[in-house]
Amino acid sequence: MDRKRLTALKTRLSGISGGRFVQQDGFNPSYVVTPLGERLSRVRILSVVVDKFAAETGKFASLTIDDGTDTIRVKVFSALSMIENIVPGDTVDVIGRIKEYNGELYIAPEVITKVSDPNFEILRELEIRRREKNLGGMRETILKHKEQASDVDELARMMVERYGMEHEFVEDILAQEEGGKPSVDAKKSVMDMIESLDKGEGCDYTDLIASSGLGENEIDKAVQELLEEGLCYEPRPGKIRRL
């Protein structure tokens, strides 16, 4: 039976690191459920190479990439020529699958392309922001209709019929909402982004929401806990800084 190839979804690394990895068996691809409820298996990441490693055996190499929201390793076990001409400081567009080994999420690349046109980066940012806005809108719609259904299946059917949402998306959103407190990964991701977005006067909340890949409720929960734990503070309304 032919299997349709998954679309490589353009996303941020914080969406991967702040999500939940689901291991699948057989031919079913494993995936990460992001804080916005999106399932990521095959991804496309625009980032900067901050480190490169090549084993002396010549059978393994890796790149550590950073997109401004988090870092992840890109592991190459064959076809090492794929990264032969790539060095730290290069901006690259990586297409690959999310994998997990010993608790570490990494990307197994299919294609790695150098990027030199700054307009490419601007376009990617706009594409991701539009996707995040759409996902956030669907999430709010699900939560708004939550009390109108007796159970998850009824709510999922309602969202499928009225808005064309996927059943699994509704289930993932509700599962995250019932999780209550933000995950440790989500808090770390938010704290790292606060630091990276702070240009000297604090991180603006609107920039944090736009760049995080997390839902607004998830960010609010994470920020509140960081403030309560004394790890961050608000120098003035609308701004937050890491201590």
Protein backbone atom coordinates (compact mmCIF):
# COMPACT_ATOMS: atom_id res chain seq x y z
CA MET A 1 0.00 0.00 0.00
CA ASP A 2 1.32 3.46 -0.93
CA ARG A 3 1.88 5.81 1.99
CA LYS A 4 1.44 9.53 1.44
CA ARG A 5 4.54 11.50 2.34
CA LEU A 6 4.01 13.89 5.22
CA THR A 7 4.27 17.61 4.54
CA ALA A 8 7.30 19.27 6.14
CA LEU A 9 5.68 21.84 8.45
CA LYS A 10 7.45 25.17 8.98
CA THR A 11 7.79 25.75 12.69
CA ARG A 12 9.94 27.09 15.52
CA LEU A 13 12.25 24.96 17.66
CA SER A 14 10.37 26.09 20.77
CA GLY A 15 7.33 24.31 19.40
CA ILE A 16 9.34 21.07 19.38
CA SER A 17 11.12 21.47 22.72
CA GLY A 18 7.97 22.72 24.46
CA GLY A 19 5.84 19.89 23.09
CA ARG A 20 5.15 16.27 23.97
CA PHE A 21 6.86 13.48 22.02
CA VAL A 22 4.68 10.52 21.02
CA GLN A 23 6.48 7.34 19.99
CA GLN A 24 4.67 5.28 17.34
CA ASP A 25 5.22 1.68 16.34
CA GLY A 26 5.68 0.16 12.92
CA PHE A 27 5.26 2.39 9.88
CA ASN A 28 3.32 5.03 11.83
CA PRO A 29 5.57 8.11 12.18
CA SER A 30 6.37 9.39 15.66
CA TYR A 31 5.52 13.02 16.32
CA VAL A 32 5.58 15.93 18.76
CA VAL A 33 2.37 17.59 19.91
CA THR A 34 3.20 21.30 20.21
CA PRO A 35 1.68 23.62 22.84
CA LEU A 36 -0.62 24.88 20.06
CA GLY A 37 -1.90 21.36 19.44
CA GLU A 38 -0.09 20.79 16.14
CA ARG A 39 1.40 17.38 15.42
CA LEU A 40 4.94 17.66 14.05
CA SER A 41 6.67 14.69 12.47
CA ARG A 42 8.38 16.03 9.37
CA VAL A 43 9.51 19.64 9.86
CA ARG A 44 11.21 22.53 8.10
CA ILE A 45 13.40 24.75 10.30
CA LEU A 46 15.20 27.95 9.33
CA SER A 47 18.07 28.51 11.75
CA VAL A 48 21.73 29.39 12.32
CA VAL A 49 24.41 26.72 12.78
CA VAL A 50 26.12 27.32 16.14
CA ASP A 51 28.23 24.14 16.33
CA LYS A 52 29.43 21.30 14.13
CA PHE A 53 30.79 17.90 15.13
CA ALA A 54 32.23 15.09 13.02
CA ALA A 55 33.30 11.73 14.45
CA GLU A 56 36.77 10.47 13.56
CA THR A 57 35.19 7.29 12.18
CA GLY A 58 33.58 9.34 9.42
CA LYS A 59 30.25 7.61 10.11
CA PHE A 60 28.51 10.28 12.17
CA ALA A 61 28.25 14.06 12.25
CA SER A 62 25.92 16.63 13.75
CA LEU A 63 24.99 20.28 13.58
CA THR A 64 23.60 22.25 16.48
CA ILE A 65 21.13 24.79 15.13
CA ASP A 66 19.52 27.82 16.81
CA ASP A 67 16.46 29.68 15.49
CA GLY A 68 16.34 32.25 18.30
CA THR A 69 13.76 30.31 20.33
CA ASP A 70 15.76 27.18 21.15
CA THR A 71 18.47 24.84 19.89
CA ILE A 72 18.42 21.25 18.62
CA ARG A 73 20.88 18.81 17.09
CA VAL A 74 20.67 17.67 13.48
CA LYS A 75 22.20 14.17 13.38
CA VAL A 76 23.62 12.66 10.19
CA PHE A 77 24.44 8.94 10.19
CA SER A 78 25.04 8.59 6.47
CA ALA A 79 25.50 10.89 3.49
CA LEU A 80 27.83 13.11 5.51
CA SER A 81 28.48 15.09 2.32
CA MET A 82 25.15 16.77 3.13
CA ILE A 83 26.90 18.99 5.70
CA GLU A 84 30.42 18.96 4.25
CA ASN A 85 30.38 22.64 3.22
CA ILE A 86 28.37 23.92 6.17
CA VAL A 87 30.14 25.75 9.00
CA PRO A 88 29.07 27.51 12.21
CA GLY A 89 27.54 30.87 11.39
CA ASP A 90 25.74 29.64 8.27
CA THR A 91 21.99 30.12 8.02
CA VAL A 92 20.36 26.88 6.88
CA ASP A 93 16.93 25.60 5.94
CA VAL A 94 16.59 22.06 7.32
CA ILE A 95 13.95 19.56 6.25
CA GLY A 96 13.81 16.37 8.28
CA ARG A 97 12.00 14.14 10.75
CA ILE A 98 11.84 14.52 14.51
CA LYS A 99 13.44 11.60 16.31
CA GLU A 100 14.15 10.73 19.94
CA TYR A 101 16.99 8.83 21.56
CA ASN A 102 17.80 8.58 25.27
CA GLY A 103 15.48 11.47 26.06
CA GLU A 104 16.98 13.80 23.42
CA LEU A 105 14.86 15.08 20.57
CA TYR A 106 16.81 15.60 17.35
CA ILE A 107 16.24 16.05 13.63
CA ALA A 108 17.18 13.39 11.09
CA PRO A 109 17.73 15.55 7.98
CA GLU A 110 16.60 14.88 4.44
CA VAL A 111 17.71 18.19 2.93
CA ILE A 112 19.91 21.00 4.27
CA THR A 113 20.13 24.18 2.21
CA LYS A 114 22.24 27.28 2.87
CA VAL A 115 20.28 30.54 2.90
CA SER A 116 21.81 33.93 2.17
CA ASP A 117 18.82 36.09 1.20
CA PRO A 118 17.50 37.99 4.28
CA ASN A 119 14.10 38.27 2.59
CA PHE A 120 13.81 34.49 2.91
CA GLU A 121 14.02 34.82 6.70
CA ILE A 122 11.39 37.58 6.76
CA LEU A 123 9.02 35.49 4.64
CA ARG A 124 9.47 32.43 6.89
CA GLU A 125 8.72 34.49 10.00
CA LEU A 126 5.52 35.82 8.44
CA GLU A 127 4.48 32.31 7.37
CA ILE A 128 5.01 30.92 10.86
CA ARG A 129 3.21 33.80 12.56
CA ARG A 130 0.20 33.32 10.29
CA ARG A 131 0.13 29.60 11.05
CA GLU A 132 0.44 30.23 14.80
CA LYS A 133 -2.41 32.76 14.63
CA ASN A 134 -4.65 30.24 12.85
CA LEU A 135 -3.81 27.48 15.34
CA GLY A 136 -4.38 29.81 18.27
CA GLY A 137 -7.76 30.81 16.85
CA MET A 138 -8.81 27.17 16.47
CA ARG A 139 -7.66 26.44 20.02
CA GLU A 140 -9.77 29.30 21.40
CA THR A 141 -12.77 28.07 19.41
CA ILE A 142 -12.44 24.59 20.90
CA LEU A 143 -12.20 25.90 24.45
CA LYS A 144 -15.14 28.28 23.90
CA HIS A 145 -17.38 25.38 22.84
CA LYS A 146 -16.09 22.96 25.46
CA GLU A 147 -19.09 23.34 27.78
CA GLN A 148 -21.55 22.71 24.95
CA ALA A 149 -20.52 19.06 24.64
CA SER A 150 -20.94 16.17 27.06
CA ASP A 151 -17.59 14.56 26.26
CA VAL A 152 -14.50 14.79 24.07
CA ASP A 153 -15.97 12.76 21.20
CA GLU A 154 -19.06 14.94 20.98
CA LEU A 155 -16.97 18.12 21.03
CA ALA A 156 -14.61 16.72 18.39
CA ARG A 157 -17.54 15.82 16.11
CA MET A 158 -18.93 19.33 16.58
CA MET A 159 -15.60 20.93 15.63
CA VAL A 160 -15.19 18.64 12.62
CA GLU A 161 -18.70 19.36 11.31
CA ARG A 162 -18.75 23.12 11.99
CA TYR A 163 -15.16 24.15 11.39
CA GLY A 164 -13.49 21.29 9.53
CA MET A 165 -10.97 20.63 12.31
CA GLU A 166 -9.28 17.26 12.70
CA HIS A 167 -10.55 14.97 15.47
CA GLU A 168 -7.00 14.40 16.75
CA PHE A 169 -6.35 18.14 16.98
CA VAL A 170 -9.34 18.63 19.28
CA GLU A 171 -8.24 15.73 21.47
CA ASP A 172 -4.68 17.06 21.74
CA ILE A 173 -5.88 20.57 22.68
CA LEU A 174 -8.13 19.24 25.44
CA ALA A 175 -5.42 16.92 26.74
CA GLN A 176 -3.03 19.87 27.05
CA GLU A 177 -5.65 22.05 28.73
CA GLU A 178 -6.34 19.38 31.33
CA GLY A 179 -2.63 19.23 32.05
CA GLY A 180 -2.98 22.36 34.19
CA LYS A 181 0.47 23.75 34.98
CA PRO A 182 2.95 24.40 32.20
CA SER A 183 5.56 21.72 31.64
CA VAL A 184 9.14 22.18 32.77
CA ASP A 185 10.14 22.34 29.10
CA ALA A 186 7.57 25.08 28.44
CA LYS A 187 8.81 27.16 31.38
CA LYS A 188 12.44 26.76 30.28
CA SER A 189 11.52 27.68 26.72
CA VAL A 190 9.68 30.82 27.87
CA MET A 191 12.54 31.84 30.16
CA ASP A 192 15.12 31.37 27.38
CA MET A 193 13.00 33.39 24.96
CA ILE A 194 12.58 36.20 27.50
CA GLU A 195 16.36 36.44 27.66
CA SER A 196 16.88 36.25 23.88
CA LEU A 197 14.21 38.88 23.13
CA ASP A 198 15.43 41.29 25.81
CA LYS A 199 17.37 44.07 24.07
CA GLY A 200 18.16 45.91 27.30
CA GLU A 201 14.81 47.17 28.51
CA GLY A 202 13.00 43.87 28.99
CA CYS A 203 11.09 41.49 26.74
CA ASP A 204 7.79 42.78 25.42
CA TYR A 205 4.88 40.41 26.14
CA THR A 206 3.51 40.75 22.60
CA ASP A 207 6.89 39.74 21.13
CA LEU A 208 7.05 36.78 23.51
CA ILE A 209 3.63 35.54 22.41
CA ALA A 210 4.39 36.05 18.71
CA SER A 211 7.76 34.29 18.85
CA SER A 212 7.09 31.48 21.30
CA GLY A 213 5.04 28.96 19.34
CA LEU A 214 3.05 28.50 22.58
CA GLY A 215 -0.57 29.33 23.30
CA GLU A 216 -1.29 32.56 25.16
CA ASN A 217 -2.72 30.65 28.14
CA GLU A 218 0.38 28.48 28.31
CA ILE A 219 2.62 31.54 28.27
CA ASP A 220 0.56 33.24 30.98
CA LYS A 221 0.88 30.18 33.21
CA ALA A 222 4.63 29.90 32.61
CA VAL A 223 5.26 33.63 33.17
CA GLN A 224 3.21 33.64 36.37
CA GLU A 225 5.21 30.74 37.79
CA LEU A 226 8.52 32.33 36.78
CA LEU A 227 7.49 35.52 38.58
CA GLU A 228 6.35 33.61 41.67
CA GLU A 229 9.60 31.64 41.75
CA GLY A 230 11.63 34.85 41.52
CA LEU A 231 13.30 33.82 38.27
CA CYS A 232 11.89 36.82 36.36
CA TYR A 233 10.50 40.26 37.18
CA GLU A 234 8.55 43.04 35.51
CA PRO A 235 10.60 46.24 35.17
CA ARG A 236 7.47 48.02 33.94
CA PRO A 237 3.98 47.09 32.62
CA GLY A 238 4.12 45.01 29.47
CA LYS A 239 7.78 44.05 29.96
CA ILE A 240 9.47 41.10 31.64
CA ARG A 241 13.11 40.35 32.35
CA ARG A 242 15.05 37.33 33.53
CA LEU A 243 16.98 37.70 36.78
